[in-house]
N, C-alpha and C. Protein backbone atom coordinates (compact mmCIF):
# COMPACT_ATOMS: atom_id res chain seq x y z
N LEU A 1 -249.11 101.40 156.06
CA LEU A 1 -250.15 102.02 155.25
C LEU A 1 -251.08 100.82 154.89
N SER A 2 -252.42 101.04 154.83
CA SER A 2 -253.28 100.11 154.57
C SER A 2 -253.19 99.81 153.06
N GLY A 3 -253.74 98.59 152.78
CA GLY A 3 -253.85 98.11 151.37
C GLY A 3 -254.60 99.02 150.58
N THR A 4 -255.69 99.61 151.06
CA THR A 4 -256.48 100.57 150.25
C THR A 4 -255.52 101.81 149.80
N VAL A 5 -254.81 102.28 150.86
CA VAL A 5 -254.04 103.42 150.75
C VAL A 5 -252.90 103.09 149.64
N LEU A 6 -252.43 101.99 149.87
CA LEU A 6 -251.20 101.61 148.85
C LEU A 6 -251.86 101.42 147.54
N ALA A 7 -253.02 100.96 147.16
CA ALA A 7 -253.52 100.84 145.96
C ALA A 7 -253.95 102.13 145.29
N TYR A 8 -254.33 102.96 146.20
CA TYR A 8 -254.53 104.39 145.87
C TYR A 8 -253.29 105.10 145.25
N LEU A 9 -252.19 105.00 146.00
CA LEU A 9 -250.94 105.63 145.70
C LEU A 9 -250.43 104.77 144.36
N ALA A 10 -250.53 103.61 144.17
CA ALA A 10 -250.12 102.84 143.14
C ALA A 10 -250.86 103.34 141.83
N ARG A 11 -252.16 103.65 141.84
CA ARG A 11 -252.94 104.16 140.76
C ARG A 11 -252.43 105.52 140.32
N LYS A 12 -252.03 106.38 141.28
CA LYS A 12 -251.47 107.69 140.98
C LYS A 12 -250.24 107.60 140.23
N ALA A 13 -249.27 106.61 140.77
CA ALA A 13 -248.06 106.23 140.33
C ALA A 13 -248.10 105.85 138.97
N GLN A 14 -249.09 104.92 138.67
CA GLN A 14 -249.31 104.28 137.29
C GLN A 14 -249.69 105.34 136.39
N PHE A 15 -250.49 106.32 136.58
CA PHE A 15 -250.77 107.47 135.64
C PHE A 15 -249.48 108.19 135.27
N VAL A 16 -248.60 108.63 136.30
CA VAL A 16 -247.42 109.22 136.16
C VAL A 16 -246.39 108.32 135.29
N ASP A 17 -246.25 107.17 135.60
CA ASP A 17 -245.37 106.40 134.82
C ASP A 17 -245.87 106.07 133.43
N SER A 18 -247.07 105.95 133.26
CA SER A 18 -247.62 105.58 131.90
C SER A 18 -247.60 106.77 131.03
N ASN A 19 -247.54 108.00 131.55
CA ASN A 19 -247.46 109.25 130.66
C ASN A 19 -246.09 109.81 130.83
N TYR A 20 -245.08 109.08 131.18
CA TYR A 20 -243.69 109.58 131.21
C TYR A 20 -243.39 110.44 129.98
N ALA A 21 -243.28 109.95 128.75
CA ALA A 21 -242.86 110.61 127.68
C ALA A 21 -243.70 111.92 127.40
N GLN A 22 -245.04 111.84 127.51
CA GLN A 22 -245.74 113.07 127.38
C GLN A 22 -245.40 114.02 128.32
N LEU A 23 -245.29 113.70 129.61
CA LEU A 23 -245.00 114.61 130.70
C LEU A 23 -243.61 115.23 130.41
N ILE A 24 -242.59 114.60 129.89
CA ILE A 24 -241.38 115.20 129.63
C ILE A 24 -241.55 116.23 128.57
N GLN A 25 -242.24 116.02 127.47
CA GLN A 25 -242.36 116.90 126.46
C GLN A 25 -243.37 118.09 126.82
N ARG A 26 -244.37 117.85 127.50
CA ARG A 26 -245.54 118.87 127.58
C ARG A 26 -245.55 119.66 128.85
N VAL A 27 -245.06 119.26 129.86
CA VAL A 27 -244.96 120.04 131.10
C VAL A 27 -244.26 121.28 131.09
N THR A 28 -244.81 122.42 131.32
CA THR A 28 -244.14 123.67 131.16
C THR A 28 -243.93 124.45 132.56
N SER A 29 -244.77 124.07 133.44
CA SER A 29 -244.57 124.69 134.81
C SER A 29 -243.86 123.72 135.79
N VAL A 30 -242.64 123.35 135.32
CA VAL A 30 -241.99 122.38 136.11
C VAL A 30 -241.50 123.06 137.53
N MET A 31 -241.05 124.34 137.56
CA MET A 31 -240.55 124.90 138.76
C MET A 31 -241.71 124.97 139.85
N PRO A 32 -242.94 125.51 139.37
CA PRO A 32 -243.96 125.47 140.42
C PRO A 32 -244.30 124.03 140.99
N ILE A 33 -244.25 123.06 140.20
CA ILE A 33 -244.38 121.73 140.70
C ILE A 33 -243.33 121.43 141.49
N ALA A 34 -242.02 121.63 141.18
CA ALA A 34 -240.85 121.31 142.04
C ALA A 34 -240.93 121.94 143.36
N ASP A 35 -241.31 123.33 143.35
CA ASP A 35 -241.55 124.15 144.57
C ASP A 35 -242.55 123.37 145.44
N GLU A 36 -243.63 123.06 145.02
CA GLU A 36 -244.67 122.24 145.67
C GLU A 36 -244.11 120.95 146.33
N LEU A 37 -243.35 120.28 145.52
CA LEU A 37 -242.71 118.93 146.22
C LEU A 37 -241.74 119.38 147.30
N LYS A 38 -240.93 120.24 146.85
CA LYS A 38 -239.82 120.61 147.88
C LYS A 38 -240.45 121.09 149.13
N ASN A 39 -241.47 121.85 149.09
CA ASN A 39 -242.16 122.38 150.32
C ASN A 39 -242.74 121.36 151.15
N LYS A 40 -243.24 120.07 150.43
CA LYS A 40 -243.74 119.09 151.14
C LYS A 40 -242.63 118.18 151.68
N GLY A 41 -241.45 118.39 151.42
CA GLY A 41 -240.29 117.46 151.92
C GLY A 41 -240.12 116.46 150.88
N MET A 42 -240.56 116.31 149.77
CA MET A 42 -240.50 115.24 148.77
C MET A 42 -239.36 115.40 147.91
N LEU A 43 -238.73 116.66 147.93
CA LEU A 43 -237.34 116.74 147.05
C LEU A 43 -236.35 117.19 147.95
N HIS A 44 -235.12 116.70 147.88
CA HIS A 44 -233.95 117.23 148.56
C HIS A 44 -233.48 118.54 147.91
N PRO A 45 -233.00 119.51 148.79
CA PRO A 45 -232.51 120.85 148.17
C PRO A 45 -231.52 120.57 147.08
N GLU A 46 -230.61 119.66 147.10
CA GLU A 46 -229.60 119.53 146.03
C GLU A 46 -230.35 119.08 144.68
N THR A 47 -231.36 118.17 144.88
CA THR A 47 -232.14 117.68 143.65
C THR A 47 -232.82 119.02 143.15
N TYR A 48 -233.56 119.77 144.11
CA TYR A 48 -234.30 120.90 143.59
C TYR A 48 -233.33 121.90 142.79
N SER A 49 -232.12 122.10 143.30
CA SER A 49 -231.15 123.03 142.58
C SER A 49 -230.65 122.34 141.28
N GLU A 50 -230.61 121.02 141.16
CA GLU A 50 -230.21 120.47 139.90
C GLU A 50 -231.41 120.66 139.03
N ILE A 51 -232.54 120.52 139.33
CA ILE A 51 -233.68 120.77 138.52
C ILE A 51 -233.74 122.20 137.96
N LYS A 52 -233.50 123.08 138.79
CA LYS A 52 -233.63 124.63 138.55
C LYS A 52 -232.53 125.00 137.59
N ALA A 53 -231.27 124.33 137.75
CA ALA A 53 -230.03 124.54 136.92
C ALA A 53 -230.37 124.19 135.34
N GLU A 54 -231.35 123.24 135.22
CA GLU A 54 -231.43 122.74 133.71
C GLU A 54 -231.97 123.87 132.87
N GLN A 55 -231.55 123.86 131.62
CA GLN A 55 -231.98 125.00 130.89
C GLN A 55 -233.32 124.92 130.09
N THR A 56 -233.82 123.66 130.07
CA THR A 56 -235.14 123.56 129.22
C THR A 56 -236.09 122.84 130.11
N SER A 57 -237.30 123.03 129.85
CA SER A 57 -238.46 122.27 130.64
C SER A 57 -238.33 120.68 130.56
N GLN A 58 -237.80 120.33 129.30
CA GLN A 58 -237.63 118.88 129.13
C GLN A 58 -236.48 118.39 130.20
N GLY A 59 -235.51 119.11 130.21
CA GLY A 59 -234.26 118.85 131.14
C GLY A 59 -234.68 118.72 132.55
N LYS A 60 -235.60 119.85 132.82
CA LYS A 60 -235.98 119.92 134.29
C LYS A 60 -236.91 118.64 134.60
N MET A 61 -237.75 118.38 133.60
CA MET A 61 -238.54 117.23 134.00
C MET A 61 -237.84 115.90 134.00
N ARG A 62 -236.88 115.80 133.25
CA ARG A 62 -236.01 114.54 133.40
C ARG A 62 -235.42 114.49 134.72
N ARG A 63 -234.87 115.51 135.07
CA ARG A 63 -234.38 115.46 136.63
C ARG A 63 -235.37 115.30 137.61
N LEU A 64 -236.53 115.87 137.48
CA LEU A 64 -237.62 115.59 138.35
C LEU A 64 -238.00 114.09 138.31
N PHE A 65 -238.12 113.58 137.12
CA PHE A 65 -238.36 112.19 137.11
C PHE A 65 -237.43 111.23 137.75
N ASP A 66 -236.14 111.61 137.69
CA ASP A 66 -235.15 110.82 138.49
C ASP A 66 -235.50 110.76 140.03
N ALA A 67 -235.99 112.01 140.46
CA ALA A 67 -236.30 112.03 141.89
C ALA A 67 -237.62 111.31 142.17
N LEU A 68 -238.50 111.24 141.28
CA LEU A 68 -239.82 110.60 141.31
C LEU A 68 -239.49 109.18 141.54
N LYS A 69 -238.55 108.63 140.54
CA LYS A 69 -238.24 107.31 140.58
C LYS A 69 -237.75 106.72 141.95
N SER A 70 -236.75 107.51 142.54
CA SER A 70 -236.25 107.07 143.68
C SER A 70 -237.14 107.38 144.88
N GLY A 71 -238.10 108.22 144.87
CA GLY A 71 -239.11 108.37 145.77
C GLY A 71 -240.23 107.39 145.95
N GLY A 72 -240.33 106.58 144.93
CA GLY A 72 -241.53 105.67 144.94
C GLY A 72 -242.99 106.36 144.76
N ASP A 73 -243.93 105.35 144.90
CA ASP A 73 -245.29 105.74 144.67
C ASP A 73 -245.73 106.94 145.53
N ARG A 74 -245.35 107.07 146.64
CA ARG A 74 -245.72 108.22 147.54
C ARG A 74 -245.37 109.62 146.91
N VAL A 75 -244.03 109.77 146.40
CA VAL A 75 -243.69 110.90 145.77
C VAL A 75 -244.33 111.08 144.49
N LYS A 76 -244.62 110.11 143.67
CA LYS A 76 -245.19 110.14 142.34
C LYS A 76 -246.88 110.63 142.66
N SER A 77 -247.36 110.16 143.68
CA SER A 77 -248.59 110.45 144.01
C SER A 77 -248.68 111.96 144.43
N ASP A 78 -247.82 112.52 145.11
CA ASP A 78 -247.73 114.04 145.31
C ASP A 78 -247.41 114.79 144.02
N PHE A 79 -246.57 114.23 143.11
CA PHE A 79 -246.34 114.90 141.81
C PHE A 79 -247.73 114.84 140.96
N TYR A 80 -248.51 113.88 141.11
CA TYR A 80 -249.69 113.64 140.49
C TYR A 80 -250.72 114.83 140.86
N TYR A 81 -250.74 115.08 142.17
CA TYR A 81 -251.55 116.23 142.46
C TYR A 81 -251.03 117.58 142.18
N ALA A 82 -249.65 117.84 142.32
CA ALA A 82 -248.94 118.87 141.92
C ALA A 82 -249.21 119.13 140.33
N LEU A 83 -249.27 118.26 139.47
CA LEU A 83 -249.47 118.29 138.18
C LEU A 83 -250.80 118.72 137.92
N ARG A 84 -251.86 118.20 138.62
CA ARG A 84 -253.40 118.60 138.42
C ARG A 84 -253.37 120.08 138.82
N ASN A 85 -252.75 120.31 139.87
CA ASN A 85 -252.87 121.87 140.30
C ASN A 85 -252.23 122.89 139.33
N HIS A 86 -251.19 122.62 138.70
CA HIS A 86 -250.26 123.46 137.92
C HIS A 86 -250.53 123.24 136.31
N GLU A 87 -251.00 122.00 136.04
CA GLU A 87 -251.08 121.74 134.52
C GLU A 87 -252.36 121.16 134.31
N ASN A 88 -253.44 121.81 134.72
CA ASN A 88 -254.65 121.05 134.80
C ASN A 88 -255.13 120.67 133.38
N TYR A 89 -254.97 121.51 132.38
CA TYR A 89 -255.45 121.27 130.91
C TYR A 89 -254.64 119.91 130.55
N LEU A 90 -253.33 119.94 130.71
CA LEU A 90 -252.59 118.73 130.33
C LEU A 90 -253.06 117.47 131.07
N PHE A 91 -253.26 117.70 132.44
CA PHE A 91 -253.57 116.52 133.29
C PHE A 91 -254.92 115.97 132.67
N LYS A 92 -255.87 116.77 132.37
CA LYS A 92 -257.35 116.37 131.79
C LYS A 92 -256.99 115.79 130.36
N ASP A 93 -256.12 116.27 129.58
CA ASP A 93 -255.87 115.66 128.27
C ASP A 93 -255.30 114.37 128.40
N LEU A 94 -254.39 114.13 129.24
CA LEU A 94 -253.68 112.80 129.42
C LEU A 94 -254.71 111.81 129.87
N GLY A 95 -255.73 112.22 130.87
CA GLY A 95 -256.59 111.26 131.42
C GLY A 95 -257.65 110.94 130.60
N LYS A 96 -258.31 111.81 129.88
CA LYS A 96 -259.42 111.48 128.74
C LYS A 96 -260.42 110.53 129.28
N GLY A 97 -260.70 110.67 130.45
CA GLY A 97 -261.73 109.77 130.96
C GLY A 97 -261.39 108.38 131.34
N ILE A 98 -260.12 107.96 130.93
CA ILE A 98 -259.68 106.59 131.34
C ILE A 98 -259.50 106.46 132.64
N TYR A 99 -259.00 107.53 133.31
CA TYR A 99 -258.89 107.47 134.86
C TYR A 99 -259.90 108.30 135.43
N SER A 100 -261.02 107.61 135.61
CA SER A 100 -262.13 108.29 136.24
C SER A 100 -261.96 108.63 137.84
N TRP A 101 -260.92 107.99 138.26
CA TRP A 101 -260.58 108.25 139.62
C TRP A 101 -259.68 109.42 139.83
N CYS A 102 -259.36 110.01 138.61
CA CYS A 102 -258.40 111.29 138.80
C CYS A 102 -259.19 112.28 139.69
């Protein structure tokens, strides 16, 4: 990948990493996000099953973040877009204009 693409992915990953605690607490549409990542081949079926088995959205998000950490910036970037699609109000609240490149 080119340096520009890598920098682009890194910015998306930074947004995800810097909002870790808020995302754990506030994301409610975890399974639609996990579905999107699974359909893109970003989540292994076993990981998806572990996320689905969790009882709370916070538990599901913690499992999802484990997968994001191991997947690197590319997976975090895809999560970023899935978050924007499924939790747009939260996405905008966390951005607050700081991330004009969102």
